[in-house]
């Protein structure tokens, strides 16, 4: 299966990290960066921790895609409407 482009900065390649979404040109898992954000880590600190392999635009794209995925799948996750 060929790599799947999920955005400008994010790809899912079966040959890299078992096909989990990563930032293009890295083996940095998108879920790891989202967990860092969720823990309250500053974007600048995240970029520094990954030795500059990420850009703010890539982090923003990860958040946007995660948000879109949640909104898209809310009906599948709940039996009642999520919003009144």
C-alpha atoms as a PDB file:
ATOM      1  CA  UNK A   1       0.000   0.000   0.000  1.00  0.00           C
ATOM      2  CA  UNK A   2       1.446   3.422  -0.921  1.00  0.00           C
ATOM      3  CA  UNK A   3       1.891   6.259   1.569  1.00  0.00           C
ATOM      4  CA  UNK A   4      -1.234   8.301   2.213  1.00  0.00           C
ATOM      5  CA  UNK A   5      -0.911  12.056   2.370  1.00  0.00           C
ATOM      6  CA  UNK A   6      -3.149  13.351   5.154  1.00  0.00           C
ATOM      7  CA  UNK A   7      -2.118  16.968   4.895  1.00  0.00           C
ATOM      8  CA  UNK A   8       0.730  19.211   3.884  1.00  0.00           C
ATOM      9  CA  UNK A   9       2.856  18.016   6.815  1.00  0.00           C
ATOM     10  CA  UNK A  10       1.336  14.665   7.780  1.00  0.00           C
ATOM     11  CA  UNK A  11       1.536  11.269   6.091  1.00  0.00           C
ATOM     12  CA  UNK A  12       0.593   7.673   6.876  1.00  0.00           C
ATOM     13  CA  UNK A  13       3.180   5.364   5.300  1.00  0.00           C
ATOM     14  CA  UNK A  14       2.929   1.596   5.937  1.00  0.00           C
ATOM     15  CA  UNK A  15       6.748   1.454   5.715  1.00  0.00           C
ATOM     16  CA  UNK A  16       7.170   3.981   8.544  1.00  0.00           C
ATOM     17  CA  UNK A  17       5.930   3.427  12.115  1.00  0.00           C
ATOM     18  CA  UNK A  18       3.482   0.713  10.981  1.00  0.00           C
ATOM     19  CA  UNK A  19       1.465   3.232   8.981  1.00  0.00           C
ATOM     20  CA  UNK A  20       0.578   5.464  11.929  1.00  0.00           C
ATOM     21  CA  UNK A  21       0.366   9.152  11.031  1.00  0.00           C
ATOM     22  CA  UNK A  22       3.751  10.865  11.223  1.00  0.00           C
ATOM     23  CA  UNK A  23       5.118  14.230  10.221  1.00  0.00           C
ATOM     24  CA  UNK A  24       6.574  14.041   6.713  1.00  0.00           C
ATOM     25  CA  UNK A  25      10.268  13.279   6.584  1.00  0.00           C
ATOM     26  CA  UNK A  26      10.343  12.150  10.227  1.00  0.00           C
ATOM     27  CA  UNK A  27       9.386   9.243  12.429  1.00  0.00           C
ATOM     28  CA  UNK A  28       7.640  11.582  14.826  1.00  0.00           C
ATOM     29  CA  UNK A  29       4.173  10.250  15.562  1.00  0.00           C
ATOM     30  CA  UNK A  30       1.375  12.784  15.364  1.00  0.00           C
ATOM     31  CA  UNK A  31      -0.248  11.229  18.437  1.00  0.00           C
ATOM     32  CA  UNK A  32       2.916  11.858  20.490  1.00  0.00           C
ATOM     33  CA  UNK A  33       2.862  15.559  19.624  1.00  0.00           C
ATOM     34  CA  UNK A  34      -0.879  15.792  20.333  1.00  0.00           C
ATOM     35  CA  UNK A  35      -0.249  14.211  23.741  1.00  0.00           C
ATOM     36  CA  UNK A  36       2.458  16.794  24.420  1.00  0.00           C
ATOM     37  CA  UNK A  37       0.017  19.577  23.551  1.00  0.00           C
ATOM     38  CA  UNK A  38      -2.688  18.017  25.720  1.00  0.00           C
ATOM     39  CA  UNK A  39      -0.279  17.916  28.664  1.00  0.00           C
ATOM     40  CA  UNK A  40       0.152  21.687  28.338  1.00  0.00           C
ATOM     41  CA  UNK A  41       3.580  21.724  26.738  1.00  0.00           C
ATOM     42  CA  UNK A  42       4.328  24.932  24.813  1.00  0.00           C
ATOM     43  CA  UNK A  43       4.702  24.562  21.050  1.00  0.00           C
ATOM     44  CA  UNK A  44       8.191  26.074  21.209  1.00  0.00           C
ATOM     45  CA  UNK A  45       9.196  23.431  23.773  1.00  0.00           C
ATOM     46  CA  UNK A  46       7.773  20.676  21.566  1.00  0.00           C
ATOM     47  CA  UNK A  47       9.738  21.955  18.579  1.00  0.00           C
ATOM     48  CA  UNK A  48      12.872  22.131  20.711  1.00  0.00           C
ATOM     49  CA  UNK A  49      12.347  18.621  22.104  1.00  0.00           C
ATOM     50  CA  UNK A  50      12.118  17.244  18.563  1.00  0.00           C
ATOM     51  CA  UNK A  51      15.303  19.154  17.697  1.00  0.00           C
ATOM     52  CA  UNK A  52      13.623  21.464  15.223  1.00  0.00           C
ATOM     53  CA  UNK A  53      12.219  18.631  13.078  1.00  0.00           C
ATOM     54  CA  UNK A  54       8.738  20.166  13.391  1.00  0.00           C
ATOM     55  CA  UNK A  55       7.342  23.554  12.463  1.00  0.00           C
ATOM     56  CA  UNK A  56       4.473  25.420  14.098  1.00  0.00           C
ATOM     57  CA  UNK A  57       2.483  24.976  10.899  1.00  0.00           C
ATOM     58  CA  UNK A  58       2.834  21.184  11.180  1.00  0.00           C
ATOM     59  CA  UNK A  59       1.626  21.218  14.785  1.00  0.00           C
ATOM     60  CA  UNK A  60      -1.325  23.418  13.813  1.00  0.00           C
ATOM     61  CA  UNK A  61      -2.214  21.004  11.018  1.00  0.00           C
ATOM     62  CA  UNK A  62      -2.144  18.069  13.456  1.00  0.00           C
ATOM     63  CA  UNK A  63      -4.559  19.872  15.757  1.00  0.00           C
ATOM     64  CA  UNK A  64      -6.838  20.804  12.869  1.00  0.00           C
ATOM     65  CA  UNK A  65      -6.922  17.236  11.532  1.00  0.00           C
ATOM     66  CA  UNK A  66      -7.553  15.817  15.017  1.00  0.00           C
ATOM     67  CA  UNK A  67     -10.409  18.266  15.498  1.00  0.00           C
ATOM     68  CA  UNK A  68     -11.925  17.382  12.126  1.00  0.00           C
ATOM     69  CA  UNK A  69     -11.648  13.667  12.912  1.00  0.00           C
ATOM     70  CA  UNK A  70     -13.409  14.118  16.251  1.00  0.00           C
ATOM     71  CA  UNK A  71     -16.243  16.151  14.769  1.00  0.00           C
ATOM     72  CA  UNK A  72     -16.641  13.696  11.901  1.00  0.00           C
ATOM     73  CA  UNK A  73     -16.776  10.666  14.194  1.00  0.00           C
ATOM     74  CA  UNK A  74     -18.894  12.024  17.054  1.00  0.00           C
ATOM     75  CA  UNK A  75     -22.053  10.336  15.683  1.00  0.00           C
ATOM     76  CA  UNK A  76     -20.191   7.009  15.690  1.00  0.00           C
ATOM     77  CA  UNK A  77     -18.988   7.541  19.280  1.00  0.00           C
ATOM     78  CA  UNK A  78     -22.282   8.497  20.873  1.00  0.00           C
ATOM     79  CA  UNK A  79     -25.826   7.306  20.573  1.00  0.00           C
ATOM     80  CA  UNK A  80     -27.177  10.778  21.416  1.00  0.00           C
ATOM     81  CA  UNK A  81     -26.418  14.066  19.684  1.00  0.00           C
ATOM     82  CA  UNK A  82     -23.277  15.622  21.111  1.00  0.00           C
ATOM     83  CA  UNK A  83     -24.672  19.147  20.948  1.00  0.00           C
ATOM     84  CA  UNK A  84     -28.157  20.402  21.685  1.00  0.00           C
END
